[in-house]
């Protein structure tokens, strides 16, 4: 999972590149503070040049329930890739 802060988008490029270069499936979670998205999800996908198959979700990293939803997506992706 790559957790993205849209205020520092460039900081996540190395992580995205790591997974892409190795062909490892991954999920991108955009940290939305207080449920507010600074940018539409598709803008983030374009900015990160993500393949359409890469799951892209919004979450609030401070919320246990929100993080749990992202982790469920990671597990589902892992199971589908196995």
PDB file of N, CA and C in Angstrom:
ATOM      1  N   UNK A   1       0.845  -1.169   0.000  1.00  0.00           N
ATOM      2  CA  UNK A   1       0.000   0.000   0.000  1.00  0.00           C
ATOM      3  C   UNK A   1       0.890   1.231   0.000  1.00  0.00           C
ATOM      4  N   UNK A   2       0.529   2.188  -0.820  1.00  0.00           N
ATOM      5  CA  UNK A   2       1.216   3.479  -0.836  1.00  0.00           C
ATOM      6  C   UNK A   2       0.223   4.504  -0.317  1.00  0.00           C
ATOM      7  N   UNK A   3       0.558   5.179   0.774  1.00  0.00           N
ATOM      8  CA  UNK A   3      -0.288   6.225   1.332  1.00  0.00           C
ATOM      9  C   UNK A   3       0.175   7.559   0.761  1.00  0.00           C
ATOM     10  N   UNK A   4      -0.763   8.262   0.143  1.00  0.00           N
ATOM     11  CA  UNK A   4      -0.434   9.499  -0.574  1.00  0.00           C
ATOM     12  C   UNK A   4      -0.991  10.705   0.166  1.00  0.00           C
ATOM     13  N   UNK A   5      -0.130  11.700   0.356  1.00  0.00           N
ATOM     14  CA  UNK A   5      -0.546  13.011   0.851  1.00  0.00           C
ATOM     15  C   UNK A   5      -0.458  13.942  -0.356  1.00  0.00           C
ATOM     16  N   UNK A   6      -1.594  14.448  -0.818  1.00  0.00           N
ATOM     17  CA  UNK A   6      -1.590  15.252  -2.045  1.00  0.00           C
ATOM     18  C   UNK A   6      -0.826  16.559  -1.886  1.00  0.00           C
ATOM     19  N   UNK A   7      -0.522  16.946  -0.655  1.00  0.00           N
ATOM     20  CA  UNK A   7       0.287  18.152  -0.456  1.00  0.00           C
ATOM     21  C   UNK A   7       1.752  17.889  -0.754  1.00  0.00           C
ATOM     22  N   UNK A   8       2.137  16.587  -0.749  1.00  0.00           N
ATOM     23  CA  UNK A   8       3.526  16.205  -1.028  1.00  0.00           C
ATOM     24  C   UNK A   8       3.526  14.999  -1.968  1.00  0.00           C
ATOM     25  N   UNK A   9       2.838  15.153  -3.073  1.00  0.00           N
ATOM     26  CA  UNK A   9       2.651  14.062  -4.017  1.00  0.00           C
ATOM     27  C   UNK A   9       3.973  13.493  -4.524  1.00  0.00           C
ATOM     28  N   UNK A  10       4.949  14.355  -4.737  1.00  0.00           N
ATOM     29  CA  UNK A  10       6.234  13.913  -5.288  1.00  0.00           C
ATOM     30  C   UNK A  10       6.959  12.936  -4.361  1.00  0.00           C
ATOM     31  N   UNK A  11       6.633  12.959  -3.077  1.00  0.00           N
ATOM     32  CA  UNK A  11       7.285  12.060  -2.125  1.00  0.00           C
ATOM     33  C   UNK A  11       6.893  10.596  -2.319  1.00  0.00           C
ATOM     34  N   UNK A  12       5.783  10.339  -3.002  1.00  0.00           N
ATOM     35  CA  UNK A  12       5.346   8.951  -3.144  1.00  0.00           C
ATOM     36  C   UNK A  12       5.809   8.322  -4.452  1.00  0.00           C
ATOM     37  N   UNK A  13       6.382   9.092  -5.364  1.00  0.00           N
ATOM     38  CA  UNK A  13       6.842   8.528  -6.639  1.00  0.00           C
ATOM     39  C   UNK A  13       7.813   7.367  -6.460  1.00  0.00           C
ATOM     40  N   UNK A  14       8.805   7.455  -5.556  1.00  0.00           N
ATOM     41  CA  UNK A  14       9.717   6.316  -5.387  1.00  0.00           C
ATOM     42  C   UNK A  14       8.998   5.036  -4.955  1.00  0.00           C
ATOM     43  N   UNK A  15       7.994   5.168  -4.105  1.00  0.00           N
ATOM     44  CA  UNK A  15       7.252   3.986  -3.662  1.00  0.00           C
ATOM     45  C   UNK A  15       6.448   3.379  -4.800  1.00  0.00           C
ATOM     46  N   UNK A  16       5.772   4.209  -5.555  1.00  0.00           N
ATOM     47  CA  UNK A  16       4.999   3.720  -6.704  1.00  0.00           C
ATOM     48  C   UNK A  16       5.940   3.049  -7.703  1.00  0.00           C
ATOM     49  N   UNK A  17       7.065   3.677  -7.982  1.00  0.00           N
ATOM     50  CA  UNK A  17       8.051   3.095  -8.906  1.00  0.00           C
ATOM     51  C   UNK A  17       8.558   1.745  -8.414  1.00  0.00           C
ATOM     52  N   UNK A  18       8.782   1.619  -7.104  1.00  0.00           N
ATOM     53  CA  UNK A  18       9.272   0.369  -6.525  1.00  0.00           C
ATOM     54  C   UNK A  18       8.343  -0.788  -6.887  1.00  0.00           C
ATOM     55  N   UNK A  19       7.054  -0.609  -6.644  1.00  0.00           N
ATOM     56  CA  UNK A  19       6.093  -1.671  -6.916  1.00  0.00           C
ATOM     57  C   UNK A  19       5.927  -1.920  -8.410  1.00  0.00           C
ATOM     58  N   UNK A  20       5.855  -0.851  -9.190  1.00  0.00           N
ATOM     59  CA  UNK A  20       5.659  -0.999 -10.635  1.00  0.00           C
ATOM     60  C   UNK A  20       6.838  -1.721 -11.283  1.00  0.00           C
ATOM     61  N   UNK A  21       8.048  -1.355 -10.943  1.00  0.00           N
ATOM     62  CA  UNK A  21       9.231  -1.969 -11.566  1.00  0.00           C
ATOM     63  C   UNK A  21       9.361  -3.447 -11.244  1.00  0.00           C
ATOM     64  N   UNK A  22       8.851  -3.862 -10.104  1.00  0.00           N
ATOM     65  CA  UNK A  22       8.948  -5.261  -9.704  1.00  0.00           C
ATOM     66  C   UNK A  22       7.703  -6.067 -10.049  1.00  0.00           C
ATOM     67  N   UNK A  23       6.703  -5.385 -10.609  1.00  0.00           N
ATOM     68  CA  UNK A  23       5.475  -6.075 -10.976  1.00  0.00           C
ATOM     69  C   UNK A  23       4.681  -6.567  -9.774  1.00  0.00           C
ATOM     70  N   UNK A  24       4.834  -5.876  -8.644  1.00  0.00           N
ATOM     71  CA  UNK A  24       4.132  -6.245  -7.417  1.00  0.00           C
ATOM     72  C   UNK A  24       2.814  -5.467  -7.364  1.00  0.00           C
ATOM     73  N   UNK A  25       1.696  -6.179  -7.231  1.00  0.00           N
ATOM     74  CA  UNK A  25       0.411  -5.476  -7.116  1.00  0.00           C
ATOM     75  C   UNK A  25       0.393  -4.596  -5.863  1.00  0.00           C
ATOM     76  N   UNK A  26      -0.228  -3.430  -5.978  1.00  0.00           N
ATOM     77  CA  UNK A  26      -0.298  -2.522  -4.841  1.00  0.00           C
ATOM     78  C   UNK A  26      -1.565  -1.685  -4.917  1.00  0.00           C
ATOM     79  N   UNK A  27      -1.876  -1.074  -3.796  1.00  0.00           N
ATOM     80  CA  UNK A  27      -3.032  -0.193  -3.646  1.00  0.00           C
ATOM     81  C   UNK A  27      -2.508   1.183  -3.293  1.00  0.00           C
ATOM     82  N   UNK A  28      -3.128   2.221  -3.834  1.00  0.00           N
ATOM     83  CA  UNK A  28      -2.789   3.586  -3.465  1.00  0.00           C
ATOM     84  C   UNK A  28      -3.952   4.147  -2.649  1.00  0.00           C
ATOM     85  N   UNK A  29      -3.634   4.661  -1.463  1.00  0.00           N
ATOM     86  CA  UNK A  29      -4.637   5.276  -0.595  1.00  0.00           C
ATOM     87  C   UNK A  29      -4.310   6.756  -0.467  1.00  0.00           C
ATOM     88  N   UNK A  30      -5.255   7.588  -0.859  1.00  0.00           N
ATOM     89  CA  UNK A  30      -5.083   9.039  -0.751  1.00  0.00           C
ATOM     90  C   UNK A  30      -5.606   9.456   0.616  1.00  0.00           C
ATOM     91  N   UNK A  31      -4.733  10.047   1.419  1.00  0.00           N
ATOM     92  CA  UNK A  31      -5.123  10.465   2.758  1.00  0.00           C
ATOM     93  C   UNK A  31      -5.981  11.722   2.658  1.00  0.00           C
ATOM     94  N   UNK A  32      -7.248  11.576   2.991  1.00  0.00           N
ATOM     95  CA  UNK A  32      -8.202  12.689   2.960  1.00  0.00           C
ATOM     96  C   UNK A  32      -8.505  13.090   4.395  1.00  0.00           C
ATOM     97  N   UNK A  33      -8.019  14.223   4.797  1.00  0.00           N
ATOM     98  CA  UNK A  33      -8.220  14.689   6.159  1.00  0.00           C
ATOM     99  C   UNK A  33      -9.662  15.134   6.355  1.00  0.00           C
ATOM    100  N   UNK A  34     -10.263  14.662   7.418  1.00  0.00           N
ATOM    101  CA  UNK A  34     -11.643  15.007   7.759  1.00  0.00           C
ATOM    102  C   UNK A  34     -12.606  14.739   6.613  1.00  0.00           C
ATOM    103  N   UNK A  35     -12.284  13.735   5.798  1.00  0.00           N
ATOM    104  CA  UNK A  35     -13.163  13.358   4.703  1.00  0.00           C
ATOM    105  C   UNK A  35     -13.181  14.326   3.538  1.00  0.00           C
ATOM    106  N   UNK A  36     -12.266  15.279   3.522  1.00  0.00           N
ATOM    107  CA  UNK A  36     -12.230  16.284   2.461  1.00  0.00           C
ATOM    108  C   UNK A  36     -11.142  15.923   1.461  1.00  0.00           C
ATOM    109  N   UNK A  37     -11.540  15.789   0.206  1.00  0.00           N
ATOM    110  CA  UNK A  37     -10.571  15.511  -0.848  1.00  0.00           C
ATOM    111  C   UNK A  37     -10.048  16.820  -1.411  1.00  0.00           C
ATOM    112  N   UNK A  38      -8.738  16.978  -1.419  1.00  0.00           N
ATOM    113  CA  UNK A  38      -8.144  18.187  -2.000  1.00  0.00           C
ATOM    114  C   UNK A  38      -8.197  18.124  -3.527  1.00  0.00           C
ATOM    115  N   UNK A  39      -8.163  16.902  -4.069  1.00  0.00           N
ATOM    116  CA  UNK A  39      -8.168  16.698  -5.516  1.00  0.00           C
ATOM    117  C   UNK A  39      -9.029  15.477  -5.834  1.00  0.00           C
ATOM    118  N   UNK A  40      -9.719  15.513  -6.959  1.00  0.00           N
ATOM    119  CA  UNK A  40     -10.482  14.316  -7.355  1.00  0.00           C
ATOM    120  C   UNK A  40      -9.544  13.127  -7.548  1.00  0.00           C
ATOM    121  N   UNK A  41     -10.050  11.937  -7.257  1.00  0.00           N
ATOM    122  CA  UNK A  41      -9.245  10.720  -7.333  1.00  0.00           C
ATOM    123  C   UNK A  41      -8.622  10.546  -8.717  1.00  0.00           C
ATOM    124  N   UNK A  42      -9.367  10.824  -9.754  1.00  0.00           N
ATOM    125  CA  UNK A  42      -8.824  10.648 -11.104  1.00  0.00           C
ATOM    126  C   UNK A  42      -7.685  11.627 -11.401  1.00  0.00           C
ATOM    127  N   UNK A  43      -7.708  12.800 -10.802  1.00  0.00           N
ATOM    128  CA  UNK A  43      -6.575  13.735 -10.946  1.00  0.00           C
ATOM    129  C   UNK A  43      -5.329  13.151 -10.297  1.00  0.00           C
ATOM    130  N   UNK A  44      -5.503  12.523  -9.145  1.00  0.00           N
ATOM    131  CA  UNK A  44      -4.371  11.895  -8.454  1.00  0.00           C
ATOM    132  C   UNK A  44      -3.848  10.740  -9.304  1.00  0.00           C
ATOM    133  N   UNK A  45      -4.752   9.929  -9.867  1.00  0.00           N
ATOM    134  CA  UNK A  45      -4.344   8.808 -10.722  1.00  0.00           C
ATOM    135  C   UNK A  45      -3.502   9.321 -11.892  1.00  0.00           C
ATOM    136  N   UNK A  46      -3.953  10.405 -12.512  1.00  0.00           N
ATOM    137  CA  UNK A  46      -3.226  10.975 -13.651  1.00  0.00           C
ATOM    138  C   UNK A  46      -1.875  11.531 -13.208  1.00  0.00           C
ATOM    139  N   UNK A  47      -1.855  12.245 -12.096  1.00  0.00           N
ATOM    140  CA  UNK A  47      -0.605  12.841 -11.606  1.00  0.00           C
ATOM    141  C   UNK A  47       0.434  11.779 -11.280  1.00  0.00           C
ATOM    142  N   UNK A  48      -0.028  10.629 -10.772  1.00  0.00           N
ATOM    143  CA  UNK A  48       0.892   9.546 -10.428  1.00  0.00           C
ATOM    144  C   UNK A  48       1.149   8.614 -11.610  1.00  0.00           C
ATOM    145  N   UNK A  49       0.444   8.847 -12.704  1.00  0.00           N
ATOM    146  CA  UNK A  49       0.549   8.012 -13.908  1.00  0.00           C
ATOM    147  C   UNK A  49       0.309   6.544 -13.560  1.00  0.00           C
ATOM    148  N   UNK A  50      -0.774   6.302 -12.812  1.00  0.00           N
ATOM    149  CA  UNK A  50      -1.099   4.948 -12.379  1.00  0.00           C
ATOM    150  C   UNK A  50      -1.852   4.194 -13.459  1.00  0.00           C
ATOM    151  N   UNK A  51      -1.555   2.922 -13.560  1.00  0.00           N
ATOM    152  CA  UNK A  51      -2.294   2.031 -14.436  1.00  0.00           C
ATOM    153  C   UNK A  51      -3.746   1.985 -13.939  1.00  0.00           C
ATOM    154  N   UNK A  52      -4.704   1.915 -14.855  1.00  0.00           N
ATOM    155  CA  UNK A  52      -6.107   1.860 -14.430  1.00  0.00           C
ATOM    156  C   UNK A  52      -6.431   0.669 -13.524  1.00  0.00           C
ATOM    157  N   UNK A  53      -5.624  -0.373 -13.562  1.00  0.00           N
ATOM    158  CA  UNK A  53      -5.872  -1.559 -12.738  1.00  0.00           C
ATOM    159  C   UNK A  53      -5.444  -1.377 -11.277  1.00  0.00           C
ATOM    160  N   UNK A  54      -4.669  -0.331 -10.992  1.00  0.00           N
ATOM    161  CA  UNK A  54      -4.211  -0.095  -9.617  1.00  0.00           C
ATOM    162  C   UNK A  54      -5.363   0.502  -8.810  1.00  0.00           C
ATOM    163  N   UNK A  55      -5.791  -0.189  -7.738  1.00  0.00           N
ATOM    164  CA  UNK A  55      -6.860   0.364  -6.911  1.00  0.00           C
ATOM    165  C   UNK A  55      -6.426   1.678  -6.265  1.00  0.00           C
ATOM    166  N   UNK A  56      -7.302   2.659  -6.321  1.00  0.00           N
ATOM    167  CA  UNK A  56      -7.029   3.982  -5.757  1.00  0.00           C
ATOM    168  C   UNK A  56      -8.203   4.350  -4.868  1.00  0.00           C
ATOM    169  N   UNK A  57      -7.928   4.498  -3.576  1.00  0.00           N
ATOM    170  CA  UNK A  57      -8.982   4.755  -2.599  1.00  0.00           C
ATOM    171  C   UNK A  57      -8.677   6.014  -1.801  1.00  0.00           C
ATOM    172  N   UNK A  58      -9.712   6.579  -1.214  1.00  0.00           N
ATOM    173  CA  UNK A  58      -9.532   7.672  -0.272  1.00  0.00           C
ATOM    174  C   UNK A  58      -9.650   7.103   1.131  1.00  0.00           C
ATOM    175  N   UNK A  59      -8.871   7.635   2.043  1.00  0.00           N
ATOM    176  CA  UNK A  59      -8.974   7.208   3.437  1.00  0.00           C
ATOM    177  C   UNK A  59      -8.522   8.338   4.339  1.00  0.00           C
ATOM    178  N   UNK A  60      -8.897   8.222   5.592  1.00  0.00           N
ATOM    179  CA  UNK A  60      -8.400   9.123   6.623  1.00  0.00           C
ATOM    180  C   UNK A  60      -7.503   8.261   7.502  1.00  0.00           C
ATOM    181  N   UNK A  61      -6.211   8.468   7.422  1.00  0.00           N
ATOM    182  CA  UNK A  61      -5.248   7.620   8.121  1.00  0.00           C
ATOM    183  C   UNK A  61      -5.413   7.666   9.638  1.00  0.00           C
ATOM    184  N   UNK A  62      -6.170   8.608  10.135  1.00  0.00           N
ATOM    185  CA  UNK A  62      -6.417   8.700  11.577  1.00  0.00           C
ATOM    186  C   UNK A  62      -7.613   7.871  12.011  1.00  0.00           C
ATOM    187  N   UNK A  63      -8.361   7.372  11.034  1.00  0.00           N
ATOM    188  CA  UNK A  63      -9.580   6.627  11.323  1.00  0.00           C
ATOM    189  C   UNK A  63      -9.340   5.127  11.182  1.00  0.00           C
ATOM    190  N   UNK A  64      -9.532   4.403  12.261  1.00  0.00           N
ATOM    191  CA  UNK A  64      -9.330   2.954  12.260  1.00  0.00           C
ATOM    192  C   UNK A  64     -10.199   2.290  11.185  1.00  0.00           C
ATOM    193  N   UNK A  65     -11.446   2.684  11.086  1.00  0.00           N
ATOM    194  CA  UNK A  65     -12.377   2.087  10.122  1.00  0.00           C
ATOM    195  C   UNK A  65     -11.930   2.360   8.684  1.00  0.00           C
ATOM    196  N   UNK A  66     -11.481   3.566   8.416  1.00  0.00           N
ATOM    197  CA  UNK A  66     -11.024   3.934   7.078  1.00  0.00           C
ATOM    198  C   UNK A  66      -9.777   3.140   6.687  1.00  0.00           C
ATOM    199  N   UNK A  67      -8.848   3.016   7.604  1.00  0.00           N
ATOM    200  CA  UNK A  67      -7.619   2.258   7.346  1.00  0.00           C
ATOM    201  C   UNK A  67      -7.948   0.778   7.169  1.00  0.00           C
ATOM    202  N   UNK A  68      -8.888   0.288   7.937  1.00  0.00           N
ATOM    203  CA  UNK A  68      -9.309  -1.109   7.806  1.00  0.00           C
ATOM    204  C   UNK A  68      -9.847  -1.370   6.394  1.00  0.00           C
ATOM    205  N   UNK A  69     -10.624  -0.441   5.852  1.00  0.00           N
ATOM    206  CA  UNK A  69     -11.156  -0.592   4.492  1.00  0.00           C
ATOM    207  C   UNK A  69     -10.030  -0.708   3.469  1.00  0.00           C
ATOM    208  N   UNK A  70      -8.984   0.081   3.646  1.00  0.00           N
ATOM    209  CA  UNK A  70      -7.840   0.028   2.729  1.00  0.00           C
ATOM    210  C   UNK A  70      -7.115  -1.307   2.881  1.00  0.00           C
ATOM    211  N   UNK A  71      -6.926  -1.757   4.094  1.00  0.00           N
ATOM    212  CA  UNK A  71      -6.241  -3.033   4.320  1.00  0.00           C
ATOM    213  C   UNK A  71      -7.047  -4.204   3.752  1.00  0.00           C
ATOM    214  N   UNK A  72      -8.355  -4.134   3.823  1.00  0.00           N
ATOM    215  CA  UNK A  72      -9.200  -5.169   3.208  1.00  0.00           C
ATOM    216  C   UNK A  72      -8.958  -5.192   1.700  1.00  0.00           C
ATOM    217  N   UNK A  73      -8.840  -4.028   1.099  1.00  0.00           N
ATOM    218  CA  UNK A  73      -8.568  -3.947  -0.341  1.00  0.00           C
ATOM    219  C   UNK A  73      -7.202  -4.560  -0.664  1.00  0.00           C
ATOM    220  N   UNK A  74      -6.209  -4.316   0.186  1.00  0.00           N
ATOM    221  CA  UNK A  74      -4.874  -4.892  -0.012  1.00  0.00           C
ATOM    222  C   UNK A  74      -4.952  -6.423   0.033  1.00  0.00           C
ATOM    223  N   UNK A  75      -5.665  -6.949   1.014  1.00  0.00           N
ATOM    224  CA  UNK A  75      -5.796  -8.410   1.144  1.00  0.00           C
ATOM    225  C   UNK A  75      -6.532  -8.987  -0.056  1.00  0.00           C
ATOM    226  N   UNK A  76      -7.608  -8.336  -0.491  1.00  0.00           N
ATOM    227  CA  UNK A  76      -8.346  -8.818  -1.662  1.00  0.00           C
ATOM    228  C   UNK A  76      -7.461  -8.828  -2.903  1.00  0.00           C
ATOM    229  N   UNK A  77      -6.635  -7.804  -3.061  1.00  0.00           N
ATOM    230  CA  UNK A  77      -5.723  -7.742  -4.203  1.00  0.00           C
ATOM    231  C   UNK A  77      -4.693  -8.866  -4.127  1.00  0.00           C
ATOM    232  N   UNK A  78      -4.180  -9.105  -2.918  1.00  0.00           N
ATOM    233  CA  UNK A  78      -3.203 -10.188  -2.743  1.00  0.00           C
ATOM    234  C   UNK A  78      -3.818 -11.542  -3.061  1.00  0.00           C
ATOM    235  N   UNK A  79      -5.028 -11.765  -2.602  1.00  0.00           N
ATOM    236  CA  UNK A  79      -5.708 -13.034  -2.865  1.00  0.00           C
ATOM    237  C   UNK A  79      -5.990 -13.207  -4.355  1.00  0.00           C
ATOM    238  N   UNK A  80      -6.379 -12.139  -5.022  1.00  0.00           N
ATOM    239  CA  UNK A  80      -6.656 -12.209  -6.459  1.00  0.00           C
ATOM    240  C   UNK A  80      -5.393 -12.452  -7.257  1.00  0.00           C
ATOM    241  N   UNK A  81      -4.251 -12.017  -6.741  1.00  0.00           N
ATOM    242  CA  UNK A  81      -2.978 -12.171  -7.433  1.00  0.00           C
ATOM    243  C   UNK A  81      -2.336 -13.531  -7.188  1.00  0.00           C
ATOM    244  N   UNK A  82      -2.823 -14.228  -6.156  1.00  0.00           N
ATOM    245  CA  UNK A  82      -2.211 -15.522  -5.783  1.00  0.00           C
ATOM    246  C   UNK A  82      -2.644 -16.632  -6.708  1.00  0.00           C
TER     247      UNK A  82
END
